[in-house]
Amino acid sequence: MNNTIAALVFGVTLAFSFPAQAHTDEFFESVEAPHGGQLRMTGPFHMELVAKDGDLTVYVTDHADNAISVDGGLAKANIENGSTRTQVNLHPVGNNILRGSGAFSLTPSTVVVVFMKLPNQDGYAARFMPLKPKGEQGEKAPSHADDAGPHHHHHPPKH
């Protein structure tokens, strides 16, 4: 019996380590988020975090970008700035919007982990780096951001 559970856990871990679908962090880095924030996938949901100093807004949709009602949901965010951690509670403020504020500031290395528990659903977490410069994938393999986008390195014509 225990082996089955171990196999199950291992299988789930594997599924998360090697996302075969298009919804990887790189995929989200390459698309424009509807509200200009950062998109992540967690379980059956997409979360978009729009972060400013002292203020967090999370938009929750399903994989087809339909709004998911967050009524009655509970959520919190842990903001990590180096060794400083700030916790912010997020409250439903609209159909699919969670919002919270606290005393924190954001830097390019700030990590925001959002935990969300909706009624009759499992709890899910998503990890964001809201101010991370576009194209820098952190500890990921080298990205292909260099061969995309308007920043082609054309040499000026020789006269």
Protein backbone atom coordinates (compact mmCIF):
# COMPACT_ATOMS: atom_id res chain seq x y z
CA MET A 1 0.00 0.00 0.00
CA ASN A 2 2.75 2.43 0.93
CA ASN A 3 4.54 1.69 -2.32
CA THR A 4 1.50 2.81 -4.25
CA ILE A 5 1.45 6.13 -2.42
CA ALA A 6 5.17 6.60 -2.99
CA ALA A 7 4.75 5.81 -6.67
CA LEU A 8 1.84 8.21 -6.87
CA VAL A 9 3.80 11.03 -5.23
CA PHE A 10 6.80 10.31 -7.41
CA GLY A 11 4.64 10.31 -10.53
CA VAL A 12 3.12 13.66 -9.59
CA THR A 13 6.56 15.15 -8.90
CA LEU A 14 7.74 13.91 -12.26
CA ALA A 15 4.77 15.47 -14.02
CA PHE A 16 5.66 18.83 -12.52
CA SER A 17 9.39 18.55 -13.22
CA PHE A 18 8.92 17.93 -16.93
CA PRO A 19 5.91 19.89 -18.12
CA ALA A 20 5.26 18.61 -21.62
CA GLN A 21 2.50 21.07 -22.35
CA ALA A 22 3.02 24.63 -23.54
CA HIS A 23 2.23 26.10 -20.15
CA THR A 24 5.79 26.35 -18.85
CA ASP A 25 7.14 29.47 -17.20
CA GLU A 26 8.95 30.19 -20.47
CA PHE A 27 5.65 30.05 -22.31
CA PHE A 28 4.15 32.57 -19.89
CA GLU A 29 7.19 34.82 -20.16
CA SER A 30 6.60 34.99 -23.89
CA VAL A 31 2.92 35.93 -23.86
CA GLU A 32 1.47 39.23 -22.81
CA ALA A 33 -0.55 38.83 -19.63
CA PRO A 34 -4.06 40.32 -19.89
CA HIS A 35 -3.42 42.81 -17.07
CA GLY A 36 0.30 43.32 -17.64
CA GLY A 37 1.29 41.06 -14.75
CA GLN A 38 3.12 37.75 -14.63
CA LEU A 39 1.27 34.52 -15.47
CA ARG A 40 1.75 31.15 -13.85
CA MET A 41 -0.10 27.86 -13.98
CA THR A 42 -1.05 26.00 -10.82
CA GLY A 43 -3.23 22.90 -10.94
CA PRO A 44 -6.33 23.63 -13.05
CA PHE A 45 -5.81 27.40 -12.80
CA HIS A 46 -3.83 30.21 -14.32
CA MET A 47 -2.86 32.98 -11.93
CA GLU A 48 -1.76 36.40 -13.03
CA LEU A 49 0.01 38.50 -10.43
CA VAL A 50 0.07 42.26 -10.79
CA ALA A 51 2.43 43.54 -8.11
CA LYS A 52 3.34 47.01 -6.98
CA ASP A 53 5.11 48.07 -3.80
CA GLY A 54 2.74 47.27 -0.96
CA ASP A 55 -0.03 46.01 -3.25
CA LEU A 56 -0.77 42.63 -4.86
CA THR A 57 -3.59 41.72 -7.20
CA VAL A 58 -4.12 38.16 -8.46
CA TYR A 59 -6.43 37.31 -11.36
CA VAL A 60 -7.57 33.67 -11.51
CA THR A 61 -8.65 31.96 -14.73
CA ASP A 62 -8.87 28.42 -16.04
CA HIS A 63 -6.65 27.11 -18.83
CA ALA A 64 -9.01 28.56 -21.43
CA ASP A 65 -8.68 32.02 -19.80
CA ASN A 66 -12.21 31.96 -18.40
CA ALA A 67 -12.59 33.81 -15.09
CA ILE A 68 -12.75 31.51 -12.06
CA SER A 69 -14.88 32.83 -9.21
CA VAL A 70 -12.82 33.30 -6.05
CA ASP A 71 -15.85 33.94 -3.82
CA GLY A 72 -15.29 32.32 -0.46
CA GLY A 73 -11.69 31.59 -1.36
CA LEU A 74 -8.71 32.04 0.92
CA ALA A 75 -5.34 33.18 -0.32
CA LYS A 76 -2.10 34.55 0.98
CA ALA A 77 1.17 35.63 -0.52
CA ASN A 78 4.67 35.27 0.87
CA ILE A 79 6.95 38.00 -0.42
CA GLU A 80 10.61 37.02 -0.17
CA ASN A 81 13.30 39.67 -0.43
CA GLY A 82 16.49 37.81 0.34
CA SER A 83 16.11 36.75 3.97
CA THR A 84 13.17 39.08 4.60
CA ARG A 85 9.75 37.47 4.32
CA THR A 86 6.47 39.34 4.42
CA GLN A 87 3.11 37.61 4.46
CA VAL A 88 0.09 39.30 2.92
CA ASN A 89 -3.45 37.97 3.10
CA LEU A 90 -5.36 38.22 -0.16
CA HIS A 91 -9.12 38.71 -0.19
CA PRO A 92 -11.68 38.29 -2.98
CA VAL A 93 -12.50 41.75 -4.36
CA GLY A 94 -14.28 40.78 -7.56
CA ASN A 95 -15.39 37.87 -9.66
CA ASN A 96 -11.93 36.34 -10.18
CA ILE A 97 -9.74 38.86 -8.36
CA LEU A 98 -7.84 38.49 -5.09
CA ARG A 99 -6.17 41.50 -3.58
CA GLY A 100 -3.99 42.29 -0.61
CA SER A 101 -1.62 44.91 0.65
CA GLY A 102 1.21 45.07 3.12
CA ALA A 103 4.48 46.76 3.93
CA PHE A 104 6.83 45.39 1.32
CA SER A 105 8.76 46.60 -1.68
CA LEU A 106 9.67 44.76 -4.85
CA THR A 107 13.08 44.29 -6.46
CA PRO A 108 14.00 42.27 -9.57
CA SER A 109 14.97 39.37 -7.28
CA THR A 110 11.79 39.48 -5.17
CA VAL A 111 9.94 36.16 -5.13
CA VAL A 112 6.20 36.15 -4.45
CA VAL A 113 4.59 32.80 -3.65
CA VAL A 114 0.80 32.88 -3.80
CA PHE A 115 -1.19 30.18 -2.00
CA MET A 116 -4.85 29.87 -2.92
CA LYS A 117 -7.61 27.63 -1.58
CA LEU A 118 -10.99 27.92 -3.27
CA PRO A 119 -14.16 26.28 -1.91
CA ASN A 120 -14.40 22.60 -2.89
CA GLN A 121 -10.96 22.72 -4.50
CA ASP A 122 -7.49 21.65 -3.47
CA GLY A 123 -5.09 24.36 -2.38
CA TYR A 124 -2.58 25.54 -4.97
CA ALA A 125 0.55 27.65 -4.95
CA ALA A 126 2.32 29.58 -7.69
CA ARG A 127 5.74 31.22 -7.60
CA PHE A 128 6.23 34.60 -9.24
CA MET A 129 9.13 36.98 -9.78
CA PRO A 130 7.10 40.06 -10.74
CA LEU A 131 9.97 42.41 -11.51
CA LYS A 132 12.30 39.87 -13.06
CA PRO A 133 13.63 41.36 -16.30
CA LYS A 134 12.00 39.80 -19.37
CA GLY A 135 14.01 37.03 -20.93
CA GLU A 136 16.00 36.16 -17.80
CA GLN A 137 14.89 32.71 -16.82
CA GLY A 138 16.75 32.50 -13.52
CA GLU A 139 18.00 28.99 -12.81
CA LYS A 140 16.55 27.55 -16.00
CA ALA A 141 18.48 26.30 -19.02
CA PRO A 142 19.68 28.99 -21.44
CA SER A 143 16.64 30.67 -22.91
CA HIS A 144 15.95 31.38 -26.54
CA ALA A 145 14.85 34.90 -25.75
CA ASP A 146 17.82 36.14 -27.76
CA ASP A 147 16.52 34.94 -31.10
CA ALA A 148 13.02 36.35 -30.63
CA GLY A 149 11.56 39.81 -30.51
CA PRO A 150 12.54 43.11 -32.03
CA HIS A 151 16.10 43.15 -30.65
CA HIS A 152 17.98 41.75 -33.63
CA HIS A 153 21.66 42.61 -33.62
CA HIS A 154 22.14 43.94 -37.13
CA HIS A 155 25.53 45.36 -37.86
CA PRO A 156 25.41 48.81 -39.43
CA PRO A 157 26.19 48.68 -43.15
CA LYS A 158 29.82 49.27 -44.03
CA HIS A 159 30.40 52.33 -46.23
